[in-house]
Protein backbone atom coordinates (compact mmCIF):
# COMPACT_ATOMS: atom_id res chain seq x y z
CA MET A 1 -54.84 -5.33 -66.95
CA ALA A 2 -54.27 -8.77 -65.47
CA ASP A 3 -54.48 -9.30 -61.72
CA PHE A 4 -54.95 -12.89 -60.59
CA VAL A 5 -54.57 -12.61 -56.81
CA GLY A 6 -55.73 -15.80 -55.11
CA LYS A 7 -56.80 -17.44 -58.39
CA GLN A 8 -55.85 -20.63 -60.22
CA PHE A 9 -57.48 -21.48 -63.55
CA THR A 10 -58.88 -24.55 -65.27
CA GLN A 11 -57.74 -25.70 -68.71
CA GLU A 12 -60.90 -24.14 -70.17
CA GLU A 13 -60.28 -20.75 -68.52
CA ILE A 14 -56.56 -20.34 -68.94
CA ALA A 15 -56.41 -19.24 -72.60
CA GLU A 16 -58.44 -16.08 -72.07
CA LYS A 17 -56.47 -15.29 -68.92
CA VAL A 18 -53.17 -15.63 -70.78
CA LYS A 19 -54.46 -13.15 -73.39
CA GLU A 20 -55.46 -10.83 -70.57
CA GLN A 21 -51.99 -11.07 -69.06
CA TYR A 22 -49.89 -10.66 -72.21
CA ASP A 23 -51.91 -9.32 -75.15
CA ASP A 24 -53.27 -6.05 -73.77
CA GLU A 25 -51.52 -3.02 -75.31
CA LYS A 26 -50.40 -1.79 -71.88
CA THR A 27 -49.11 -5.15 -70.68
CA ILE A 28 -47.14 -5.51 -73.92
CA ILE A 29 -45.41 -2.25 -73.00
CA PHE A 30 -44.80 -3.47 -69.45
CA TYR A 31 -43.20 -6.79 -70.46
CA ASN A 32 -41.16 -5.17 -73.22
CA ILE A 33 -39.59 -2.74 -70.74
CA VAL A 34 -39.51 -4.67 -67.46
CA MET A 35 -38.69 -8.16 -68.70
CA GLY A 36 -37.12 -7.41 -72.08
CA GLY A 37 -35.24 -4.20 -71.34
CA GLY A 38 -36.68 -2.76 -74.56
CA GLY A 39 -35.69 -5.84 -76.59
CA HIS A 40 -37.75 -8.74 -77.88
CA ASP A 41 -36.34 -11.50 -75.63
CA ILE A 42 -39.14 -11.44 -73.06
CA HIS A 43 -38.02 -14.10 -70.59
CA PHE A 44 -35.66 -14.85 -67.71
CA GLY A 45 -31.96 -14.35 -68.18
CA ILE A 46 -28.47 -15.71 -67.66
CA PHE A 47 -25.90 -13.36 -66.14
CA HIS A 48 -22.39 -13.75 -67.51
CA ASP A 49 -21.45 -10.32 -66.13
CA GLU A 50 -22.71 -8.80 -62.86
CA LYS A 51 -23.19 -5.50 -64.71
CA TRP A 52 -25.72 -7.03 -67.08
CA GLY A 53 -29.40 -6.15 -66.81
CA VAL A 54 -32.52 -7.80 -68.21
CA LEU A 55 -31.68 -6.92 -71.83
CA GLU A 56 -28.28 -8.61 -71.93
CA SER A 57 -29.20 -11.58 -69.75
CA SER A 58 -32.42 -12.45 -71.59
CA LYS A 59 -30.55 -12.37 -74.91
CA ALA A 60 -28.00 -14.74 -73.37
CA THR A 61 -30.82 -17.20 -72.61
CA THR A 62 -31.95 -17.11 -76.24
CA ASP A 63 -28.37 -17.73 -77.36
CA LYS A 64 -27.98 -20.69 -75.00
CA MET A 65 -31.26 -22.24 -76.09
CA MET A 66 -30.18 -21.95 -79.72
CA ASP A 67 -26.85 -23.57 -78.86
CA ASP A 68 -28.63 -26.44 -77.09
CA LEU A 69 -31.04 -26.92 -79.99
CA ASN A 70 -28.21 -26.93 -82.52
CA TRP A 71 -26.02 -29.33 -80.51
CA ALA A 72 -28.88 -31.81 -80.10
CA SER A 73 -29.54 -31.79 -83.85
CA PRO A 74 -27.95 -29.30 -86.27
CA VAL A 75 -30.29 -26.49 -87.35
CA THR A 76 -29.84 -25.59 -91.03
CA LYS A 77 -31.55 -23.53 -93.71
CA ASP A 78 -33.59 -26.66 -94.50
CA SER A 79 -34.85 -27.09 -90.93
CA THR A 80 -38.50 -26.43 -90.09
CA VAL A 81 -38.97 -25.14 -86.54
CA LEU A 82 -42.17 -24.75 -84.51
CA ASP A 83 -42.11 -21.90 -81.97
CA LEU A 84 -44.82 -22.62 -79.39
CA GLY A 85 -46.00 -19.52 -77.57
CA SER A 86 -43.87 -17.27 -79.74
CA GLY A 87 -44.97 -14.03 -78.06
CA HIS A 88 -43.20 -10.98 -79.51
CA GLY A 89 -41.14 -13.31 -81.72
CA GLY A 90 -37.73 -12.79 -80.16
CA GLY A 91 -36.74 -16.46 -80.34
CA THR A 92 -38.05 -16.80 -83.89
CA HIS A 93 -36.17 -13.74 -85.14
CA SER A 94 -32.93 -14.96 -83.57
CA MET A 95 -33.24 -18.49 -84.99
CA VAL A 96 -33.96 -17.31 -88.52
CA LYS A 97 -31.11 -14.78 -88.45
CA ARG A 98 -28.63 -17.33 -87.08
CA PHE A 99 -29.61 -20.50 -88.93
CA GLY A 100 -31.66 -19.37 -91.94
CA CYS A 101 -34.34 -21.91 -90.97
CA THR A 102 -38.09 -21.66 -91.55
CA VAL A 103 -40.22 -21.05 -88.45
CA GLN A 104 -43.92 -21.68 -87.82
CA CYS A 105 -45.12 -19.63 -84.85
CA MET A 106 -48.17 -20.48 -82.75
CA ASN A 107 -49.29 -17.94 -80.18
CA LEU A 108 -52.53 -16.96 -78.44
CA GLY A 109 -52.26 -13.17 -78.62
CA PRO A 110 -53.29 -11.48 -81.90
CA LYS A 111 -51.57 -8.21 -80.95
CA GLN A 112 -48.33 -10.03 -80.16
CA ASN A 113 -48.61 -11.90 -83.45
CA GLU A 114 -49.04 -8.64 -85.38
CA PHE A 115 -45.96 -7.23 -83.64
CA ASN A 116 -43.98 -10.38 -84.44
CA LEU A 117 -44.83 -10.36 -88.16
CA ALA A 118 -44.25 -6.61 -88.47
CA GLU A 119 -40.79 -7.05 -86.95
CA CYS A 120 -40.08 -9.96 -89.34
CA LYS A 121 -40.89 -7.68 -92.26
CA LYS A 122 -38.76 -4.90 -90.79
CA ILE A 123 -35.65 -7.09 -90.44
CA GLY A 124 -36.13 -8.87 -93.76
CA ILE A 125 -37.13 -12.39 -92.70
CA ALA A 126 -40.87 -12.32 -93.47
CA ASP A 127 -40.49 -15.04 -96.13
CA LYS A 128 -39.14 -17.42 -93.45
CA VAL A 129 -41.85 -16.96 -90.81
CA SER A 130 -45.55 -17.77 -90.59
CA CYS A 131 -47.74 -17.23 -87.54
CA MET A 132 -51.07 -18.69 -86.47
CA GLU A 133 -53.24 -17.85 -83.49
CA GLY A 134 -53.53 -20.98 -81.39
CA ASN A 135 -53.88 -22.39 -77.87
CA ILE A 136 -51.09 -24.66 -76.69
CA ASN A 137 -53.60 -26.36 -74.34
CA ASN A 138 -55.51 -27.73 -77.34
CA PRO A 139 -54.49 -30.47 -79.80
CA PHE A 140 -52.26 -29.13 -82.58
CA PRO A 141 -53.36 -29.27 -86.25
CA SER A 142 -53.46 -32.80 -87.66
CA GLU A 143 -51.37 -31.75 -90.66
CA TRP A 144 -48.46 -31.04 -88.31
CA THR A 145 -47.88 -34.75 -87.63
CA GLY A 146 -44.19 -35.50 -88.25
CA LYS A 147 -43.64 -32.05 -89.78
CA PHE A 148 -41.01 -30.32 -87.63
CA SER A 149 -37.31 -31.00 -87.27
CA HIS A 150 -37.14 -28.83 -84.13
CA ILE A 151 -39.64 -27.44 -81.62
CA TRP A 152 -38.87 -24.44 -79.40
CA SER A 153 -40.81 -23.01 -76.46
CA CYS A 154 -39.65 -20.34 -74.02
CA GLU A 155 -41.43 -20.03 -70.66
CA VAL A 156 -44.84 -21.02 -71.93
CA PHE A 157 -45.47 -24.39 -70.28
CA CYS A 158 -46.24 -22.71 -66.94
CA HIS A 159 -49.53 -21.76 -68.66
CA VAL A 160 -50.24 -25.35 -69.74
CA ALA A 161 -52.77 -27.26 -67.65
CA ASP A 162 -51.97 -30.82 -68.84
CA LYS A 163 -48.25 -30.85 -69.54
CA VAL A 164 -48.05 -34.53 -70.51
CA ALA A 165 -50.83 -34.07 -73.08
CA THR A 166 -49.01 -31.11 -74.64
CA LEU A 167 -45.71 -32.99 -74.70
CA LYS A 168 -47.45 -35.91 -76.44
CA GLU A 169 -48.65 -33.46 -79.09
CA ILE A 170 -45.08 -32.24 -79.47
CA TYR A 171 -43.92 -35.85 -79.87
CA ARG A 172 -46.52 -36.35 -82.62
CA CYS A 173 -45.44 -33.22 -84.50
CA LEU A 174 -41.69 -33.93 -84.43
CA LYS A 175 -40.00 -35.81 -87.23
CA PRO A 176 -38.12 -38.97 -86.15
CA GLY A 177 -34.91 -37.70 -84.55
CA GLY A 178 -36.45 -34.25 -84.07
CA VAL A 179 -35.53 -32.15 -81.03
CA LEU A 180 -37.49 -30.16 -78.44
CA VAL A 181 -35.91 -27.37 -76.39
CA PHE A 182 -37.93 -25.47 -73.82
CA SER A 183 -37.40 -23.31 -70.76
CA ASP A 184 -39.82 -22.67 -67.94
CA LEU A 185 -40.22 -21.07 -64.54
CA MET A 186 -41.15 -23.70 -61.97
CA GLY A 187 -41.42 -24.27 -58.29
CA SER A 188 -38.52 -26.11 -56.74
CA ASP A 189 -39.25 -29.70 -55.81
CA PHE A 190 -39.34 -28.61 -52.14
CA ALA A 191 -41.73 -25.66 -52.57
CA ASP A 192 -45.46 -25.74 -51.90
CA GLU A 193 -48.09 -23.65 -53.69
CA LYS A 194 -48.35 -21.17 -50.80
CA GLN A 195 -44.67 -20.30 -51.19
CA LEU A 196 -45.21 -19.69 -54.90
CA LYS A 197 -48.13 -17.32 -54.38
CA ASP A 198 -46.18 -14.22 -55.47
CA PHE A 199 -45.89 -15.77 -58.93
CA THR A 200 -49.34 -17.31 -59.26
CA ASP A 201 -51.04 -14.09 -58.10
CA ARG A 202 -49.64 -12.27 -61.13
CA ASN A 203 -49.66 -15.02 -63.77
CA ALA A 204 -52.34 -17.04 -65.55
CA THR A 205 -51.55 -20.54 -64.31
CA SER A 206 -53.32 -23.74 -63.32
CA SER A 207 -50.39 -25.02 -61.27
CA MET A 208 -46.62 -24.58 -61.44
CA GLY A 209 -44.51 -27.48 -62.59
CA ARG A 210 -41.47 -28.89 -60.81
CA PRO A 211 -38.19 -30.02 -62.42
CA SER A 212 -38.74 -33.66 -61.48
CA GLN A 213 -42.32 -33.50 -62.83
CA TYR A 214 -41.09 -32.25 -66.19
CA LEU A 215 -38.50 -35.01 -66.42
CA GLU A 216 -41.18 -37.59 -65.70
CA ALA A 217 -43.59 -35.92 -68.14
CA LEU A 218 -40.99 -36.07 -70.91
CA ARG A 219 -40.62 -39.81 -70.35
CA ASP A 220 -44.40 -40.33 -70.23
CA SER A 221 -44.85 -38.42 -73.50
CA GLY A 222 -42.52 -40.81 -75.35
CA LEU A 223 -39.69 -38.28 -75.75
CA GLN A 224 -36.12 -39.21 -74.91
CA TYR A 225 -34.25 -37.14 -72.36
CA VAL A 226 -31.18 -35.27 -73.61
CA GLN A 227 -30.45 -32.56 -71.05
CA TRP A 228 -31.76 -30.52 -68.12
CA TRP A 229 -29.74 -27.37 -67.46
CA ASP A 230 -30.51 -25.82 -64.08
CA GLY A 231 -30.28 -22.01 -64.16
CA SER A 232 -32.20 -21.37 -60.94
CA PHE A 233 -29.30 -19.50 -59.35
CA HIS A 234 -29.86 -16.65 -61.84
CA LEU A 235 -33.43 -15.97 -60.69
CA GLU A 236 -32.78 -13.83 -57.62
CA LYS A 237 -30.73 -11.33 -59.63
CA TYR A 238 -33.21 -11.36 -62.50
CA PHE A 239 -36.13 -10.60 -60.18
CA SER A 240 -34.03 -7.77 -58.71
CA GLU A 241 -33.29 -6.39 -62.16
CA MET A 242 -37.00 -6.41 -63.00
CA VAL A 243 -37.65 -4.32 -59.88
CA ARG A 244 -34.94 -1.92 -61.02
CA GLN A 245 -36.57 -1.64 -64.43
CA ILE A 246 -39.81 -0.51 -62.79
CA ASP A 247 -37.97 2.03 -60.63
CA GLU A 248 -36.01 3.49 -63.55
CA ASN A 249 -38.80 3.44 -66.14
CA ARG A 250 -41.92 4.24 -64.10
CA ASP A 251 -42.44 7.66 -65.68
CA VAL A 252 -41.98 6.26 -69.19
CA MET A 253 -44.53 3.51 -68.56
CA LYS A 254 -47.00 5.93 -66.98
CA SER A 255 -46.70 8.20 -70.02
CA LYS A 256 -47.75 5.20 -72.12
CA GLY A 257 -50.88 4.56 -70.04
CA LEU A 258 -49.82 2.23 -67.22
CA ASP A 259 -51.08 3.31 -63.80
CA ASP A 260 -49.36 3.43 -60.42
CA GLN A 261 -51.51 0.69 -58.90
CA TYR A 262 -50.53 -1.81 -61.59
CA LEU A 263 -46.84 -0.90 -61.30
CA ASN A 264 -46.95 -0.92 -57.48
CA ASN A 265 -48.55 -4.38 -57.45
CA TRP A 266 -45.82 -5.73 -59.71
CA HIS A 267 -43.10 -3.95 -57.74
CA GLN A 268 -44.29 -5.55 -54.50
CA SER A 269 -44.73 -8.99 -56.06
CA LEU A 270 -41.27 -8.96 -57.60
CA SER A 271 -39.68 -7.64 -54.40
CA ASP A 272 -41.33 -10.49 -52.51
CA ARG A 273 -39.95 -12.96 -55.05
CA VAL A 274 -36.44 -11.62 -54.53
CA GLN A 275 -36.70 -12.22 -50.79
CA MET A 276 -38.36 -15.63 -51.11
CA GLN A 277 -35.71 -16.81 -53.55
CA LYS A 278 -32.92 -15.44 -51.38
CA ASP A 279 -34.25 -17.09 -48.22
CA TYR A 280 -35.79 -20.34 -49.47
CA ASN A 281 -34.97 -20.94 -53.18
CA VAL A 282 -38.61 -21.71 -53.88
CA PHE A 283 -38.42 -21.07 -57.63
CA ALA A 284 -36.62 -23.18 -60.20
CA TRP A 285 -35.82 -22.28 -63.78
CA GLY A 286 -33.84 -23.87 -66.57
CA ILE A 287 -33.71 -25.40 -70.03
CA PHE A 288 -34.81 -28.90 -71.04
CA VAL A 289 -33.78 -30.74 -74.19
CA ALA A 290 -35.46 -33.92 -75.47
CA ARG A 291 -35.73 -35.78 -78.75
CA LYS A 292 -37.95 -38.17 -80.66
CA ASP A 293 -36.21 -41.46 -81.27
CA PRO A 294 -35.06 -41.72 -84.91
CA ASN A 295 -36.50 -45.26 -85.04
CA GLY A 296 -39.84 -44.26 -83.55
CA LYS A 297 -39.38 -45.96 -80.18
CA CYS A 298 -41.09 -44.33 -77.20
CA ALA A 299 -39.15 -43.68 -74.00
CA TRP A 300 -41.95 -45.16 -71.88
CA GLN A 301 -41.87 -48.37 -73.92
CA GLU A 302 -38.23 -48.79 -72.92
CA LYS A 303 -38.87 -47.93 -69.26
CA PHE A 304 -36.66 -44.89 -69.72
CA TYR A 305 -35.92 -43.85 -66.15
CA LEU A 306 -32.50 -42.25 -66.70
CA PRO A 307 -33.79 -38.65 -66.43
CA LEU A 308 -34.94 -39.15 -62.86
CA VAL A 309 -31.74 -40.94 -61.91
CA SER A 310 -29.67 -38.15 -63.48
CA PHE A 311 -31.78 -35.52 -61.75
CA PHE A 312 -31.28 -36.84 -58.24
CA VAL A 313 -27.66 -37.91 -58.68
CA GLN A 314 -26.62 -34.49 -59.99
CA VAL A 315 -28.21 -32.57 -57.12
CA PRO A 316 -28.59 -28.89 -58.09
CA VAL A 317 -26.73 -26.30 -56.05
CA TYR A 318 -29.89 -24.59 -54.88
CA TYR A 319 -31.07 -27.81 -53.22
CA LEU A 320 -27.83 -27.96 -51.26
CA VAL A 321 -28.35 -24.34 -50.24
CA TYR A 322 -31.89 -25.20 -49.14
CA PHE A 323 -30.73 -28.02 -46.91
CA SER A 324 -27.96 -25.90 -45.41
CA LYS A 325 -30.44 -23.38 -44.02
């Protein structure tokens, strides 16, 4: 099972390391329980109620991302959506059930893909979903040019080595007027890589992005900025809830083949993240929305600097907290 202490990976190495982290039978169990609460929304969450755990809050993130996607450009039964890094398929299942759209999944892990398609069949949406094994770090298929009305990606770009190159591929694959929504875990703009070590030691990364870097990368890719929603203030509680999931489900996970060393390493790493976020707000997390101009104009051609202006004018709360310490 994955353990990446003290390691950062090149673009050539990262695909196999992502498979190692997510597509092993035991790690699938771990993420399903610890990050998904037994559900299929395997990502960070939004807490509307202090009593919520990882299950409720991660579903809330999926709901918000669908709202953002639909507000930017209505999603209908005729929409064709690309889910990049679809994992267990939680986002795909939710989109098809809510909108009736067609979804093309691309994901590295064959075991995750099998799980996704089996669940689609189980819930009666198999005719709406297709899934291919693919590496988001590589160019996308040429036949995808201008194919998709919407592109969705949930906490996958942290595993992308060249984020501008991937965003340019997304630009190519969107129809004119098409919309991208993605979330990601990042370092805050004031964090250095040493402060982020508790994340990079347990995740297959090359380097962690920053909010301002993503906003600049969107512009450089040709996409037009629509929205950046900063949900960083939810991270401390989410890390804490992940620790609680390990404490409350240790015996269940051990009965399924996970060992104490693996669980102890994660428990310590997540506990360290809780403290680091509480003391220094080193991690950032949120949802970005961008679009391809309906007339085919590129943001960089228009010197589209509004995202960076918006970012620094609307200073996030966690930056104010950082400066108050």
